[in-house]
Amino acid sequence: MTGWRAVWRGLRLRPDVLEGVTVNDDFTDRVSDVPAILAARRPAWIGVQEGKREDYAGLLDDPRYAVVQRMTSDATRGVAVVLDLDQVRPVGRYVDDPRRRGHGYRQLTAAGLGILARGVVWQDVRIAGPLGRRRVVRLASTHRHPRRARARWSDFDGALVDWLLASPVPVWLAGDFNAPVAAVRLRGAATARRGRGIDGHVLTGPLRFVDRRARRLRKRTSDHAGVSALVRVPRRPEEGR
């Protein structure tokens, strides 16, 4: 193995670095790419969009994985977070309150222009194992409106900023933004962004990408290829270096 692949694999071995994948799972083909991505790469987590046809907890049916997916409607179940419990551990108990540690779903925009309501789903975690005392990180997934409904982008971006700023912990957001992630108007709420095409990752606070660019994965059944990023989770300030 040579070149960036060797560097990528070496970075993944660092205990303070997590791999996350964002994937639009393409509800139209009735086949999920999530199990194959988990088996092939073993990322710490996956942020899913267009997942309304799937119950990911039932699909995976494996105690290694935890799923946060609100099953009450097509709109809420479209986004999901899948966690590898060998690498991250859920923390907190507050549901749907972005100001407190825990997990939840928050609607960002109502349905309109022929588009389902849009929201963000999240779970707060710590790195598993001996480094588990590191800071808590919020892992989240969202799906911005398609270009045909771009009149709603401003409303979505504004609500997303409010949600990001409400978090008491750093956020790692995966998403299909239906535009380059750098074009999403987050007004200083994000500290770093990486993407390939319209799919990408957003960070806040002290989280940092350790790769120069996000990596597009091999295309599977979806019309989107998954996009992977490596992120360093630093110690809390009181823990030193």
Protein backbone atom coordinates (compact mmCIF):
# COMPACT_ATOMS: atom_id res chain seq x y z
CA MET A 1 0.00 0.00 0.00
CA THR A 2 1.43 3.37 -1.03
CA GLY A 3 0.48 7.00 -1.19
CA TRP A 4 -2.55 8.47 0.55
CA ARG A 5 -4.05 5.05 1.29
CA ALA A 6 -1.10 4.16 3.51
CA VAL A 7 -1.28 7.54 5.24
CA TRP A 8 -5.04 7.13 5.70
CA ARG A 9 -4.66 3.70 7.28
CA GLY A 10 -1.91 4.96 9.59
CA LEU A 11 -4.03 7.87 10.78
CA ARG A 12 -6.95 5.56 11.52
CA LEU A 13 -4.76 3.64 13.97
CA ARG A 14 -4.29 6.70 16.19
CA PRO A 15 -6.46 6.36 19.32
CA ASP A 16 -7.56 10.00 19.19
CA VAL A 17 -8.70 9.84 15.54
CA LEU A 18 -12.13 8.67 14.41
CA GLU A 19 -13.37 7.89 10.93
CA GLY A 20 -16.88 9.03 10.08
CA VAL A 21 -18.79 8.42 6.86
CA THR A 22 -21.70 10.34 5.42
CA VAL A 23 -23.89 8.47 2.94
CA ASN A 24 -27.09 9.32 1.13
CA ASP A 25 -28.64 5.84 1.15
CA ASP A 26 -30.96 6.51 -1.82
CA PHE A 27 -34.45 5.44 -0.72
CA THR A 28 -35.47 4.70 -4.34
CA ASP A 29 -33.46 1.50 -4.74
CA ARG A 30 -34.66 -0.31 -1.57
CA VAL A 31 -31.09 -1.47 -0.86
CA SER A 32 -28.94 0.02 1.92
CA ASP A 33 -25.20 0.59 1.56
CA VAL A 34 -24.73 0.93 5.33
CA PRO A 35 -24.00 -2.75 6.18
CA ALA A 36 -21.42 -2.99 3.39
CA ILE A 37 -19.66 0.22 4.47
CA LEU A 38 -19.53 -0.95 8.08
CA ALA A 39 -18.09 -4.32 7.06
CA ALA A 40 -15.53 -2.89 4.65
CA ARG A 41 -14.25 0.09 6.66
CA ARG A 42 -15.32 -0.24 10.31
CA PRO A 43 -15.84 3.52 10.72
CA ALA A 44 -16.65 4.83 14.18
CA TRP A 45 -19.97 6.10 12.86
CA ILE A 46 -22.10 6.75 9.80
CA GLY A 47 -24.40 9.70 9.21
CA VAL A 48 -27.27 8.62 6.93
CA GLN A 49 -29.62 10.60 4.70
CA GLU A 50 -32.53 9.34 2.58
CA GLY A 51 -33.01 6.44 4.97
CA LYS A 52 -36.79 6.58 5.20
CA ARG A 53 -37.27 3.06 3.78
CA GLU A 54 -35.00 1.48 6.40
CA ASP A 55 -35.17 0.62 10.07
CA TYR A 56 -31.40 0.57 10.62
CA ALA A 57 -31.55 -1.02 14.06
CA GLY A 58 -33.50 -3.94 12.59
CA LEU A 59 -31.38 -4.06 9.45
CA LEU A 60 -28.10 -4.34 11.36
CA ASP A 61 -29.41 -6.45 14.27
CA ASP A 62 -25.96 -6.51 15.87
CA PRO A 63 -25.08 -5.50 19.47
CA ARG A 64 -21.91 -3.87 18.18
CA TYR A 65 -23.99 -1.07 16.64
CA ALA A 66 -26.35 1.51 18.10
CA VAL A 67 -28.77 3.48 15.94
CA VAL A 68 -30.45 6.83 16.50
CA GLN A 69 -33.38 7.13 14.10
CA ARG A 70 -36.78 8.63 14.86
CA MET A 71 -39.32 6.26 13.32
CA THR A 72 -42.45 8.39 13.65
CA SER A 73 -42.65 9.63 10.03
CA ASP A 74 -40.94 9.51 6.65
CA ALA A 75 -39.46 12.92 7.41
CA THR A 76 -37.92 11.97 10.75
CA ARG A 77 -36.69 8.53 9.75
CA GLY A 78 -34.89 9.89 6.68
CA VAL A 79 -31.81 10.81 8.73
CA ALA A 80 -30.00 8.47 11.10
CA VAL A 81 -26.80 8.03 13.06
CA VAL A 82 -25.17 4.59 13.29
CA LEU A 83 -22.52 4.10 16.00
CA ASP A 84 -19.84 1.44 16.38
CA LEU A 85 -19.92 0.79 20.14
CA ASP A 86 -16.42 -0.68 20.05
CA GLN A 87 -15.18 2.82 19.21
CA VAL A 88 -17.66 5.29 20.74
CA ARG A 89 -20.02 5.16 23.71
CA PRO A 90 -23.30 7.09 23.94
CA VAL A 91 -23.59 9.54 26.84
CA GLY A 92 -26.41 11.63 28.27
CA ARG A 93 -30.12 11.01 28.57
CA TYR A 94 -31.89 14.17 27.44
CA VAL A 95 -34.00 13.65 24.35
CA ASP A 96 -34.58 16.38 21.74
CA ASP A 97 -32.98 19.15 23.82
CA PRO A 98 -29.86 20.29 21.94
CA ARG A 99 -28.71 22.29 24.99
CA ARG A 100 -28.16 19.13 27.03
CA ARG A 101 -26.07 16.02 26.55
CA GLY A 102 -27.90 13.08 25.09
CA HIS A 103 -29.63 12.34 21.80
CA GLY A 104 -32.56 13.59 19.80
CA TYR A 105 -34.17 14.91 16.65
CA ARG A 106 -34.90 18.56 15.85
CA GLN A 107 -37.03 19.74 12.94
CA LEU A 108 -35.27 22.56 11.10
CA THR A 109 -37.87 23.44 8.46
CA ALA A 110 -41.48 22.47 7.89
CA ALA A 111 -42.70 20.62 4.80
CA GLY A 112 -43.19 22.77 1.74
CA LEU A 113 -42.58 23.09 -2.02
CA GLY A 114 -43.24 19.37 -2.34
CA ILE A 115 -40.42 18.50 0.10
CA LEU A 116 -40.73 16.68 3.42
CA ALA A 117 -39.86 18.52 6.62
CA ARG A 118 -36.11 18.66 7.21
CA GLY A 119 -34.34 17.97 10.48
CA VAL A 120 -31.18 16.88 12.25
CA VAL A 121 -30.65 13.76 14.36
CA TRP A 122 -27.83 13.39 16.90
CA GLN A 123 -26.14 11.39 19.65
CA ASP A 124 -23.46 12.56 22.09
CA VAL A 125 -20.55 10.12 22.55
CA ARG A 126 -17.14 9.55 24.10
CA ILE A 127 -14.32 7.54 22.57
CA ALA A 128 -14.47 3.98 23.93
CA GLY A 129 -11.62 2.24 25.73
CA PRO A 130 -8.76 3.75 27.78
CA LEU A 131 -9.27 7.15 26.15
CA GLY A 132 -12.92 7.24 27.15
CA ARG A 133 -12.38 10.23 29.43
CA ARG A 134 -11.83 12.45 26.41
CA ARG A 135 -14.32 15.21 25.74
CA VAL A 136 -17.87 14.47 24.66
CA VAL A 137 -18.61 14.94 20.94
CA ARG A 138 -22.00 15.29 19.24
CA LEU A 139 -22.37 13.13 16.11
CA ALA A 140 -25.19 14.22 13.84
CA SER A 141 -26.75 13.82 10.40
CA THR A 142 -28.88 16.16 8.30
CA HIS A 143 -30.19 16.57 4.74
CA ARG A 144 -30.61 20.03 3.21
CA HIS A 145 -33.30 20.70 0.60
CA PRO A 146 -32.60 19.77 -3.03
CA ARG A 147 -31.83 22.51 -5.51
CA ARG A 148 -35.41 22.63 -6.80
CA ALA A 149 -36.40 23.85 -3.31
CA ARG A 150 -33.39 26.13 -2.83
CA ALA A 151 -35.76 28.90 -1.76
CA ARG A 152 -35.78 27.06 1.60
CA TRP A 153 -32.00 26.97 1.99
CA SER A 154 -31.83 30.23 3.92
CA ASP A 155 -34.41 29.01 6.44
CA PHE A 156 -32.65 25.67 6.79
CA ASP A 157 -29.20 27.21 7.21
CA GLY A 158 -30.42 29.65 9.84
CA ALA A 159 -32.13 26.92 11.87
CA LEU A 160 -29.04 24.73 11.56
CA VAL A 161 -26.86 27.54 12.93
CA ASP A 162 -29.19 27.90 15.92
CA TRP A 163 -28.98 24.16 16.55
CA LEU A 164 -25.18 24.10 16.26
CA LEU A 165 -24.79 27.02 18.65
CA ALA A 166 -27.10 25.40 21.19
CA SER A 167 -24.82 22.40 21.62
CA PRO A 168 -22.80 22.32 24.88
CA VAL A 169 -20.21 20.06 23.22
CA PRO A 170 -18.31 20.08 19.89
CA VAL A 171 -20.36 18.88 16.92
CA TRP A 172 -19.39 16.62 14.03
CA LEU A 173 -22.18 16.93 11.47
CA ALA A 174 -22.45 14.69 8.40
CA GLY A 175 -24.81 15.63 5.62
CA ASP A 176 -26.06 15.79 2.09
CA PHE A 177 -26.09 19.57 1.65
CA ASN A 178 -27.24 19.62 -1.99
CA ALA A 179 -24.49 22.18 -2.66
CA PRO A 180 -20.79 22.28 -1.78
CA VAL A 181 -20.55 22.21 2.01
CA ALA A 182 -18.51 25.43 1.94
CA ALA A 183 -21.54 27.21 0.44
CA VAL A 184 -23.84 26.42 3.38
CA ARG A 185 -24.36 29.68 5.28
CA LEU A 186 -23.32 28.75 8.81
CA ARG A 187 -22.25 32.30 9.82
CA GLY A 188 -19.21 31.32 11.87
CA ALA A 189 -20.86 28.40 13.68
CA ALA A 190 -18.51 25.90 11.99
CA THR A 191 -14.74 25.82 12.47
CA ALA A 192 -13.93 23.41 9.62
CA ARG A 193 -15.63 21.74 6.64
CA ARG A 194 -14.73 18.97 4.22
CA GLY A 195 -16.74 17.57 1.34
CA ARG A 196 -16.80 15.88 -2.04
CA GLY A 197 -19.54 17.16 -4.27
CA ILE A 198 -22.67 17.85 -2.24
CA ASP A 199 -21.87 15.40 0.58
CA GLY A 200 -19.59 16.32 3.45
CA HIS A 201 -18.73 16.99 7.06
CA VAL A 202 -18.90 20.04 9.34
CA LEU A 203 -16.97 20.48 12.61
CA THR A 204 -17.31 22.92 15.49
CA GLY A 205 -15.12 23.78 18.46
CA PRO A 206 -11.70 22.11 18.81
CA LEU A 207 -12.42 19.16 16.50
CA ARG A 208 -10.01 19.05 13.56
CA PHE A 209 -9.73 17.13 10.32
CA VAL A 210 -6.45 15.24 10.09
CA ASP A 211 -6.70 14.59 6.36
CA ARG A 212 -6.25 17.23 3.70
CA ARG A 213 -9.55 16.38 2.07
CA ALA A 214 -12.53 14.13 2.55
CA ARG A 215 -12.36 10.83 0.66
CA ARG A 216 -15.07 9.62 -1.69
CA LEU A 217 -15.64 5.90 -1.18
CA ARG A 218 -16.35 3.28 -3.80
CA LYS A 219 -19.83 3.69 -5.22
CA ARG A 220 -22.22 0.89 -4.30
CA THR A 221 -25.98 0.74 -4.87
CA SER A 222 -26.79 4.37 -4.03
CA ASP A 223 -26.55 7.15 -6.58
CA HIS A 224 -24.23 8.80 -4.03
CA ALA A 225 -20.82 7.47 -3.04
CA GLY A 226 -20.14 7.67 0.68
CA VAL A 227 -17.71 10.37 1.83
CA SER A 228 -15.26 9.57 4.61
CA ALA A 229 -13.39 11.97 6.91
CA LEU A 230 -10.87 11.49 9.71
CA VAL A 231 -11.22 13.76 12.73
CA ARG A 232 -9.02 14.22 15.78
CA VAL A 233 -10.86 14.43 19.10
CA PRO A 234 -8.55 16.32 21.50
CA ARG A 235 -8.45 15.85 25.23
CA ARG A 236 -10.47 18.15 27.41
CA PRO A 237 -8.37 21.16 28.48
CA GLU A 238 -8.16 19.96 32.08
CA GLU A 239 -6.67 16.65 30.97
CA GLY A 240 -3.58 18.20 29.38
CA ARG A 241 -1.77 16.72 26.44
